Amino acid sequence: MEASLTNRIPAHTLTPSAGNDKIKPLMDVSQQSEPQGFVVRIARAFLKGPQSALLIAAALLMGIVALLATPQEEEPQIVVPMADVFVVVPWSSS
């Protein structure tokens, strides 16, 4: 019976006792509590439900719509601001 109990307990919660070579749990499994914060609930919902797949599909669809809706020109008139800077250096010859 004890062997079947130790098989269900994760290995990182087990340690050999000082008196004998048998393994006993560090913490009772029923005492372990899972975090119940806001972020944990959202992460659990995304991992267990279809929300992540729907979010990815919606983002992909919006990206395709944005590409199709963006106007394109064959030769766009882009104005690039430029400035010419002239420096006179007395000891330099041109």
C-alpha atoms as a PDB file:
ATOM      1  CA  MET A   1       0.000   0.000   0.000  1.00  0.00           C
ATOM      2  CA  GLU A   2       2.823   2.455   0.842  1.00  0.00           C
ATOM      3  CA  ALA A   3       4.567   1.760  -2.453  1.00  0.00           C
ATOM      4  CA  SER A   4       1.466   2.748  -4.416  1.00  0.00           C
ATOM      5  CA  LEU A   5       1.219   6.003  -2.422  1.00  0.00           C
ATOM      6  CA  THR A   6       4.792   7.004  -3.200  1.00  0.00           C
ATOM      7  CA  ASN A   7       4.246   6.280  -6.893  1.00  0.00           C
ATOM      8  CA  ARG A   8       1.519   8.961  -7.035  1.00  0.00           C
ATOM      9  CA  ILE A   9       3.575  11.640  -5.237  1.00  0.00           C
ATOM     10  CA  PRO A  10       5.910  13.712  -7.452  1.00  0.00           C
ATOM     11  CA  ALA A  11       9.580  12.826  -7.066  1.00  0.00           C
ATOM     12  CA  HIS A  12      10.640  16.337  -5.988  1.00  0.00           C
ATOM     13  CA  THR A  13       8.472  16.069  -2.852  1.00  0.00           C
ATOM     14  CA  LEU A  14      10.147  12.880  -1.618  1.00  0.00           C
ATOM     15  CA  THR A  15      13.257  12.498   0.532  1.00  0.00           C
ATOM     16  CA  PRO A  16      14.899   9.550   2.282  1.00  0.00           C
ATOM     17  CA  SER A  17      14.361   9.557   6.036  1.00  0.00           C
ATOM     18  CA  ALA A  18      17.303   9.529   8.451  1.00  0.00           C
ATOM     19  CA  GLY A  19      16.317   6.320  10.301  1.00  0.00           C
ATOM     20  CA  ASN A  20      15.785   3.995   7.346  1.00  0.00           C
ATOM     21  CA  ASP A  21      16.042   3.787   3.579  1.00  0.00           C
ATOM     22  CA  LYS A  22      12.315   4.165   2.931  1.00  0.00           C
ATOM     23  CA  ILE A  23      11.092   7.312   1.231  1.00  0.00           C
ATOM     24  CA  LYS A  24       8.542   9.488   2.961  1.00  0.00           C
ATOM     25  CA  PRO A  25       6.788  12.551   1.540  1.00  0.00           C
ATOM     26  CA  LEU A  26       8.029  16.013   2.541  1.00  0.00           C
ATOM     27  CA  MET A  27       4.496  17.405   2.443  1.00  0.00           C
ATOM     28  CA  ASP A  28       1.119  15.747   2.424  1.00  0.00           C
ATOM     29  CA  VAL A  29      -0.432  16.034  -1.031  1.00  0.00           C
ATOM     30  CA  SER A  30      -3.708  17.269   0.469  1.00  0.00           C
ATOM     31  CA  GLN A  31      -1.860  20.210   2.104  1.00  0.00           C
ATOM     32  CA  GLN A  32      -0.599  21.558  -1.222  1.00  0.00           C
ATOM     33  CA  SER A  33      -2.730  24.419  -2.483  1.00  0.00           C
ATOM     34  CA  GLU A  34      -2.800  25.833  -5.975  1.00  0.00           C
ATOM     35  CA  PRO A  35      -2.598  29.611  -6.429  1.00  0.00           C
ATOM     36  CA  GLN A  36      -5.970  31.174  -7.193  1.00  0.00           C
ATOM     37  CA  GLY A  37      -4.971  34.689  -8.312  1.00  0.00           C
ATOM     38  CA  PHE A  38      -6.449  36.672 -11.189  1.00  0.00           C
ATOM     39  CA  VAL A  39      -3.578  35.913 -13.581  1.00  0.00           C
ATOM     40  CA  VAL A  40      -3.656  32.205 -12.730  1.00  0.00           C
ATOM     41  CA  ARG A  41      -7.372  32.019 -13.523  1.00  0.00           C
ATOM     42  CA  ILE A  42      -6.872  33.766 -16.866  1.00  0.00           C
ATOM     43  CA  ALA A  43      -3.927  31.501 -17.766  1.00  0.00           C
ATOM     44  CA  ARG A  44      -5.916  28.409 -16.811  1.00  0.00           C
ATOM     45  CA  ALA A  45      -8.860  29.582 -18.949  1.00  0.00           C
ATOM     46  CA  PHE A  46      -6.578  30.083 -21.965  1.00  0.00           C
ATOM     47  CA  LEU A  47      -4.888  26.707 -21.465  1.00  0.00           C
ATOM     48  CA  LYS A  48      -8.077  24.700 -21.006  1.00  0.00           C
ATOM     49  CA  GLY A  49     -10.472  26.543 -23.314  1.00  0.00           C
ATOM     50  CA  PRO A  50     -10.616  27.623 -26.957  1.00  0.00           C
ATOM     51  CA  GLN A  51      -9.787  31.282 -26.178  1.00  0.00           C
ATOM     52  CA  SER A  52      -6.164  31.131 -27.339  1.00  0.00           C
ATOM     53  CA  ALA A  53      -7.049  29.583 -30.699  1.00  0.00           C
ATOM     54  CA  LEU A  54      -9.839  32.137 -31.203  1.00  0.00           C
ATOM     55  CA  LEU A  55      -7.503  35.005 -30.300  1.00  0.00           C
ATOM     56  CA  ILE A  56      -4.859  33.812 -32.777  1.00  0.00           C
ATOM     57  CA  ALA A  57      -7.478  33.364 -35.522  1.00  0.00           C
ATOM     58  CA  ALA A  58      -8.913  36.851 -34.868  1.00  0.00           C
ATOM     59  CA  ALA A  59      -5.442  38.449 -34.976  1.00  0.00           C
ATOM     60  CA  LEU A  60      -4.624  36.653 -38.229  1.00  0.00           C
ATOM     61  CA  LEU A  61      -7.928  37.730 -39.775  1.00  0.00           C
ATOM     62  CA  MET A  62      -7.423  41.367 -38.712  1.00  0.00           C
ATOM     63  CA  GLY A  63      -3.916  41.316 -40.198  1.00  0.00           C
ATOM     64  CA  ILE A  64      -5.203  40.036 -43.541  1.00  0.00           C
ATOM     65  CA  VAL A  65      -7.972  42.676 -43.576  1.00  0.00           C
ATOM     66  CA  ALA A  66      -5.406  45.388 -42.772  1.00  0.00           C
ATOM     67  CA  LEU A  67      -3.178  44.266 -45.649  1.00  0.00           C
ATOM     68  CA  LEU A  68      -6.073  44.267 -48.093  1.00  0.00           C
ATOM     69  CA  ALA A  69      -7.487  47.604 -46.881  1.00  0.00           C
ATOM     70  CA  THR A  70      -4.198  49.529 -46.992  1.00  0.00           C
ATOM     71  CA  PRO A  71      -4.023  51.660 -50.165  1.00  0.00           C
ATOM     72  CA  GLN A  72      -1.033  51.076 -52.404  1.00  0.00           C
ATOM     73  CA  GLU A  73       0.577  53.282 -55.040  1.00  0.00           C
ATOM     74  CA  GLU A  74       2.818  52.111 -57.823  1.00  0.00           C
ATOM     75  CA  GLU A  75       5.080  55.161 -57.512  1.00  0.00           C
ATOM     76  CA  PRO A  76       4.455  56.930 -54.213  1.00  0.00           C
ATOM     77  CA  GLN A  77       5.587  60.538 -53.886  1.00  0.00           C
ATOM     78  CA  ILE A  78       7.649  60.483 -50.714  1.00  0.00           C
ATOM     79  CA  VAL A  79       9.193  63.774 -49.556  1.00  0.00           C
ATOM     80  CA  VAL A  80      12.437  63.179 -47.719  1.00  0.00           C
ATOM     81  CA  PRO A  81      13.666  66.214 -45.780  1.00  0.00           C
ATOM     82  CA  MET A  82      17.309  66.896 -46.511  1.00  0.00           C
ATOM     83  CA  ALA A  83      19.882  69.447 -45.496  1.00  0.00           C
ATOM     84  CA  ASP A  84      23.297  70.247 -46.909  1.00  0.00           C
ATOM     85  CA  VAL A  85      25.951  71.160 -44.386  1.00  0.00           C
ATOM     86  CA  PHE A  86      29.083  72.955 -45.573  1.00  0.00           C
ATOM     87  CA  VAL A  87      32.051  73.233 -43.231  1.00  0.00           C
ATOM     88  CA  VAL A  88      35.097  75.340 -43.940  1.00  0.00           C
ATOM     89  CA  VAL A  89      38.294  73.923 -42.483  1.00  0.00           C
ATOM     90  CA  PRO A  90      41.214  76.350 -42.845  1.00  0.00           C
ATOM     91  CA  TRP A  91      44.025  73.766 -42.840  1.00  0.00           C
ATOM     92  CA  SER A  92      42.347  71.468 -45.368  1.00  0.00           C
ATOM     93  CA  SER A  93      42.762  71.738 -49.106  1.00  0.00           C
ATOM     94  CA  SER A  94      39.880  70.844 -51.371  1.00  0.00           C
END
